[in-house]
Amino acid sequence: MKLAKIREDVYINPYNITSIEFDDEYNTTLITMVNEDVFSLKMPIKKALDAICGSEEHSVEYEDAENYRRDNN
């Protein structure tokens, strides 16, 4: 499984994203997940999209993906 490193402390599975948008009022990028959690990030939307779309700089391979799926489902 590939995880996208959005920030130093935020890793997400790109397949669990339902939407991404930029909030001009608060100057934040909002990422909505399938479980309806929303991450509000103080970063340009382009940087978030680069991470989500697979930029090598942001890509992380989770080595024990099978156990991760069992533990988190």
Protein backbone atom coordinates (compact mmCIF):
# COMPACT_ATOMS: atom_id res chain seq x y z
CA MET A 1 0.00 0.00 0.00
CA LYS A 2 1.24 3.48 -0.80
CA LEU A 3 0.73 6.30 1.67
CA ALA A 4 1.09 9.96 0.82
CA LYS A 5 3.06 12.09 3.27
CA ILE A 6 1.10 15.32 3.46
CA ARG A 7 2.96 16.81 6.43
CA GLU A 8 5.60 15.56 8.83
CA ASP A 9 2.85 14.10 11.03
CA VAL A 10 0.15 13.27 8.43
CA TYR A 11 0.20 10.21 6.17
CA ILE A 12 -2.91 9.27 4.20
CA ASN A 13 -3.99 6.56 1.80
CA PRO A 14 -4.80 8.39 -1.48
CA TYR A 15 -7.51 5.82 -2.30
CA ASN A 16 -9.50 6.94 0.78
CA ILE A 17 -9.86 10.55 -0.37
CA THR A 18 -13.29 11.67 -1.55
CA SER A 19 -12.51 15.34 -2.18
CA ILE A 20 -9.88 18.03 -1.94
CA GLU A 21 -10.56 21.75 -2.07
CA PHE A 22 -9.00 25.06 -1.15
CA ASP A 23 -10.73 27.33 1.35
CA ASP A 24 -9.92 30.91 0.32
CA GLU A 25 -11.42 32.38 3.49
CA TYR A 26 -9.03 30.54 5.82
CA ASN A 27 -6.25 29.93 3.26
CA THR A 28 -6.27 26.17 3.92
CA THR A 29 -6.50 22.99 1.89
CA LEU A 30 -9.32 20.67 2.97
CA ILE A 31 -9.02 16.93 2.34
CA THR A 32 -12.15 14.85 2.95
CA MET A 33 -11.77 11.11 3.51
CA VAL A 34 -14.25 8.25 2.87
CA ASN A 35 -15.01 8.05 6.61
CA GLU A 36 -15.91 11.77 6.46
CA ASP A 37 -12.84 12.90 8.44
CA VAL A 38 -11.57 16.24 7.15
CA PHE A 39 -7.96 17.36 7.29
CA SER A 40 -7.48 21.13 7.25
CA LEU A 41 -3.93 21.92 6.18
CA LYS A 42 -2.11 25.24 6.00
CA MET A 43 -0.47 24.50 2.67
CA PRO A 44 -0.99 25.32 -1.00
CA ILE A 45 -3.39 22.98 -2.76
CA LYS A 46 -0.70 22.20 -5.37
CA LYS A 47 1.59 20.73 -2.71
CA ALA A 48 -1.26 18.59 -1.34
CA LEU A 49 -2.18 17.42 -4.85
CA ASP A 50 1.46 16.57 -5.63
CA ALA A 51 1.57 14.40 -2.51
CA ILE A 52 -1.73 12.70 -3.27
CA CYS A 53 -1.01 12.15 -6.97
CA GLY A 54 2.19 10.29 -6.25
CA SER A 55 5.08 12.70 -6.33
CA GLU A 56 8.08 10.57 -5.29
CA GLU A 57 9.00 13.21 -2.72
CA HIS A 58 5.80 12.43 -0.80
CA SER A 59 5.35 8.72 -1.50
CA VAL A 60 5.84 6.20 1.31
CA GLU A 61 5.61 2.42 0.95
CA TYR A 62 3.96 0.74 3.92
CA GLU A 63 5.92 -2.52 4.16
CA ASP A 64 3.40 -4.53 6.15
CA ALA A 65 0.29 -3.53 4.19
CA GLU A 66 -1.60 -6.76 4.86
CA ASN A 67 -1.34 -6.37 8.65
CA TYR A 68 -2.19 -2.68 8.34
CA ARG A 69 -5.44 -3.54 6.52
CA ARG A 70 -6.35 -6.21 9.10
CA ASP A 71 -5.64 -3.89 12.04
CA ASN A 72 -7.51 -0.91 10.61
CA ASN A 73 -10.65 -2.50 9.20
